[in-house]
Every structure is written in C-alpha cells, then in structure tokens.
Amino acid sequence: MPIIANLDVMMAKRKMSLNELAEKVDLTLANLSILKTGKAKAIRFSTLEAICKALDCQPGDILEYSNP
C-alpha cells in the first residue's frame, strides 16, 4: 500500500506507549495496533485529529505517501 503509517515513530519521539496513547484517544489497543502496524485500510478524521492532538504533531508526521 502506498500510504505508510509512521505512528510508531511519532510515539517513540514523544516517548508514549501504545497503552497511554490508546487511553488518550479513546481507542482500543487492538484498533490502535492495527494503525501502528500499517494494516489499517482507513482512518477517520476524528481519530487522526485525536492522535495528532495527543502526540502534538501534524497528520503528515504520521502518514506518508510512498510512490511504488
């Protein structure tokens, strides 16, 4: 898939665990893990907004387009 999720990179930069982020954005660990591993097929803008707010970042810091 040409869209790459760099959620793990931003979490490491902010020194935030998956459990902590899941609690802050009110997502289950399973759903957040799917996003983190890049297996998600879609993401709601409200979820993306909550993640960006919790990690103090921009959507482009989390999502990257890779031209195959």
N, C-alpha and C. Protein backbone atom coordinates (compact mmCIF):
# COMPACT_ATOMS: atom_id res chain seq x y z
N MET A 1 0.85 -1.17 0.00
CA MET A 1 0.00 0.00 0.00
C MET A 1 0.90 1.24 0.00
N PRO A 2 0.60 2.20 -0.83
CA PRO A 2 1.47 3.37 -0.93
C PRO A 2 1.38 4.35 0.24
N ILE A 3 0.41 4.20 1.13
CA ILE A 3 0.33 5.06 2.32
C ILE A 3 0.97 4.30 3.48
N ILE A 4 1.96 4.93 4.08
CA ILE A 4 2.70 4.31 5.19
C ILE A 4 2.36 5.06 6.47
N ALA A 5 2.04 4.31 7.51
CA ALA A 5 1.75 4.91 8.82
C ALA A 5 3.02 4.90 9.66
N ASN A 6 3.44 6.08 10.10
CA ASN A 6 4.62 6.22 10.94
C ASN A 6 4.24 6.51 12.38
N LEU A 7 3.17 5.91 12.82
CA LEU A 7 2.67 6.15 14.17
C LEU A 7 3.70 5.71 15.21
N ASP A 8 4.35 4.59 14.98
CA ASP A 8 5.35 4.09 15.93
C ASP A 8 6.52 5.06 16.07
N VAL A 9 6.90 5.72 14.98
CA VAL A 9 8.00 6.69 15.01
C VAL A 9 7.62 7.89 15.89
N MET A 10 6.41 8.42 15.68
CA MET A 10 5.96 9.57 16.47
C MET A 10 5.79 9.19 17.94
N MET A 11 5.31 7.99 18.20
CA MET A 11 5.15 7.54 19.58
C MET A 11 6.52 7.46 20.26
N ALA A 12 7.52 6.98 19.55
CA ALA A 12 8.87 6.88 20.10
C ALA A 12 9.44 8.28 20.36
N LYS A 13 9.21 9.21 19.43
CA LYS A 13 9.71 10.57 19.61
C LYS A 13 9.08 11.24 20.83
N ARG A 14 7.81 10.93 21.08
CA ARG A 14 7.11 11.53 22.22
C ARG A 14 7.20 10.68 23.48
N LYS A 15 7.91 9.55 23.37
CA LYS A 15 8.09 8.62 24.49
C LYS A 15 6.74 8.23 25.09
N MET A 16 5.83 7.83 24.21
CA MET A 16 4.49 7.46 24.63
C MET A 16 4.24 5.99 24.27
N SER A 17 3.69 5.26 25.20
CA SER A 17 3.39 3.85 24.96
C SER A 17 2.06 3.71 24.23
N LEU A 18 1.86 2.53 23.68
CA LEU A 18 0.61 2.23 22.99
C LEU A 18 -0.57 2.31 23.95
N ASN A 19 -0.38 1.83 25.16
CA ASN A 19 -1.44 1.89 26.18
C ASN A 19 -1.82 3.33 26.51
N GLU A 20 -0.80 4.18 26.68
CA GLU A 20 -1.04 5.57 27.02
C GLU A 20 -1.77 6.30 25.90
N LEU A 21 -1.33 6.07 24.65
CA LEU A 21 -1.97 6.71 23.52
C LEU A 21 -3.41 6.22 23.36
N ALA A 22 -3.62 4.93 23.51
CA ALA A 22 -4.97 4.36 23.40
C ALA A 22 -5.91 5.00 24.41
N GLU A 23 -5.42 5.23 25.61
CA GLU A 23 -6.24 5.86 26.65
C GLU A 23 -6.55 7.32 26.29
N LYS A 24 -5.56 8.04 25.78
CA LYS A 24 -5.74 9.46 25.45
C LYS A 24 -6.69 9.67 24.28
N VAL A 25 -6.66 8.77 23.29
CA VAL A 25 -7.51 8.96 22.11
C VAL A 25 -8.78 8.12 22.16
N ASP A 26 -8.95 7.38 23.25
CA ASP A 26 -10.16 6.57 23.45
C ASP A 26 -10.36 5.55 22.34
N LEU A 27 -9.29 4.80 22.04
CA LEU A 27 -9.35 3.70 21.08
C LEU A 27 -8.94 2.43 21.80
N THR A 28 -9.40 1.29 21.28
CA THR A 28 -8.95 0.03 21.85
C THR A 28 -7.51 -0.22 21.44
N LEU A 29 -6.82 -1.01 22.23
CA LEU A 29 -5.44 -1.36 21.89
C LEU A 29 -5.38 -2.09 20.55
N ALA A 30 -6.37 -2.92 20.28
CA ALA A 30 -6.40 -3.67 19.03
C ALA A 30 -6.48 -2.73 17.82
N ASN A 31 -7.38 -1.75 17.88
CA ASN A 31 -7.53 -0.82 16.77
C ASN A 31 -6.30 0.06 16.60
N LEU A 32 -5.73 0.51 17.70
CA LEU A 32 -4.54 1.34 17.62
C LEU A 32 -3.35 0.53 17.09
N SER A 33 -3.28 -0.73 17.47
CA SER A 33 -2.22 -1.60 16.98
C SER A 33 -2.32 -1.81 15.46
N ILE A 34 -3.54 -1.91 14.96
CA ILE A 34 -3.74 -2.04 13.51
C ILE A 34 -3.23 -0.80 12.79
N LEU A 35 -3.48 0.35 13.36
CA LEU A 35 -2.96 1.60 12.78
C LEU A 35 -1.44 1.64 12.86
N LYS A 36 -0.90 1.24 13.99
CA LYS A 36 0.54 1.30 14.22
C LYS A 36 1.30 0.38 13.27
N THR A 37 0.77 -0.77 12.99
CA THR A 37 1.46 -1.73 12.12
C THR A 37 1.21 -1.47 10.64
N GLY A 38 0.36 -0.50 10.34
CA GLY A 38 0.12 -0.17 8.93
C GLY A 38 -0.88 -1.08 8.24
N LYS A 39 -1.62 -1.84 9.01
CA LYS A 39 -2.59 -2.78 8.43
C LYS A 39 -3.98 -2.17 8.25
N ALA A 40 -4.15 -0.95 8.69
CA ALA A 40 -5.46 -0.29 8.59
C ALA A 40 -5.75 0.07 7.14
N LYS A 41 -6.99 -0.07 6.74
CA LYS A 41 -7.42 0.30 5.39
C LYS A 41 -7.94 1.72 5.34
N ALA A 42 -8.30 2.26 6.49
CA ALA A 42 -8.86 3.61 6.55
C ALA A 42 -8.67 4.15 7.96
N ILE A 43 -8.79 5.48 8.07
CA ILE A 43 -8.74 6.13 9.37
C ILE A 43 -9.71 7.31 9.34
N ARG A 44 -10.51 7.43 10.36
CA ARG A 44 -11.44 8.56 10.45
C ARG A 44 -10.68 9.83 10.77
N PHE A 45 -11.16 10.94 10.22
CA PHE A 45 -10.53 12.22 10.51
C PHE A 45 -10.57 12.51 12.00
N SER A 46 -11.64 12.13 12.66
CA SER A 46 -11.75 12.39 14.11
C SER A 46 -10.68 11.60 14.87
N THR A 47 -10.39 10.39 14.43
CA THR A 47 -9.34 9.58 15.05
C THR A 47 -7.98 10.19 14.78
N LEU A 48 -7.74 10.59 13.54
CA LEU A 48 -6.48 11.21 13.16
C LEU A 48 -6.27 12.51 13.96
N GLU A 49 -7.34 13.28 14.12
CA GLU A 49 -7.26 14.52 14.89
C GLU A 49 -6.90 14.23 16.35
N ALA A 50 -7.52 13.22 16.93
CA ALA A 50 -7.25 12.87 18.32
C ALA A 50 -5.81 12.40 18.50
N ILE A 51 -5.31 11.61 17.56
CA ILE A 51 -3.92 11.13 17.62
C ILE A 51 -2.96 12.30 17.49
N CYS A 52 -3.22 13.19 16.54
CA CYS A 52 -2.35 14.36 16.36
C CYS A 52 -2.34 15.25 17.60
N LYS A 53 -3.50 15.40 18.22
CA LYS A 53 -3.60 16.21 19.43
C LYS A 53 -2.80 15.57 20.57
N ALA A 54 -2.95 14.26 20.73
CA ALA A 54 -2.26 13.54 21.81
C ALA A 54 -0.74 13.53 21.60
N LEU A 55 -0.30 13.45 20.35
CA LEU A 55 1.13 13.39 20.06
C LEU A 55 1.73 14.75 19.71
N ASP A 56 0.88 15.77 19.68
CA ASP A 56 1.31 17.13 19.33
C ASP A 56 2.08 17.12 18.00
N CYS A 57 1.39 16.65 16.95
CA CYS A 57 2.02 16.56 15.64
C CYS A 57 1.01 16.86 14.55
N GLN A 58 1.46 16.84 13.32
CA GLN A 58 0.62 17.06 12.15
C GLN A 58 0.30 15.71 11.49
N PRO A 59 -0.80 15.62 10.72
CA PRO A 59 -1.12 14.37 10.04
C PRO A 59 0.03 13.87 9.16
N GLY A 60 0.76 14.78 8.55
CA GLY A 60 1.90 14.38 7.72
C GLY A 60 3.05 13.77 8.49
N ASP A 61 3.07 13.98 9.80
CA ASP A 61 4.09 13.33 10.63
C ASP A 61 3.77 11.85 10.84
N ILE A 62 2.49 11.51 10.68
CA ILE A 62 2.04 10.13 10.92
C ILE A 62 1.87 9.36 9.62
N LEU A 63 1.32 10.03 8.60
CA LEU A 63 1.03 9.37 7.33
C LEU A 63 1.99 9.85 6.24
N GLU A 64 2.46 8.91 5.44
CA GLU A 64 3.42 9.22 4.39
C GLU A 64 3.01 8.51 3.11
N TYR A 65 3.13 9.20 1.99
CA TYR A 65 2.83 8.59 0.69
C TYR A 65 4.12 8.09 0.08
N SER A 66 4.13 6.83 -0.31
CA SER A 66 5.29 6.23 -0.94
C SER A 66 4.91 5.80 -2.35
N ASN A 67 5.54 6.38 -3.33
CA ASN A 67 5.24 6.06 -4.72
C ASN A 67 5.90 4.72 -5.09
N PRO A 68 5.08 3.71 -5.41
CA PRO A 68 5.65 2.37 -5.69
C PRO A 68 6.47 2.32 -6.96
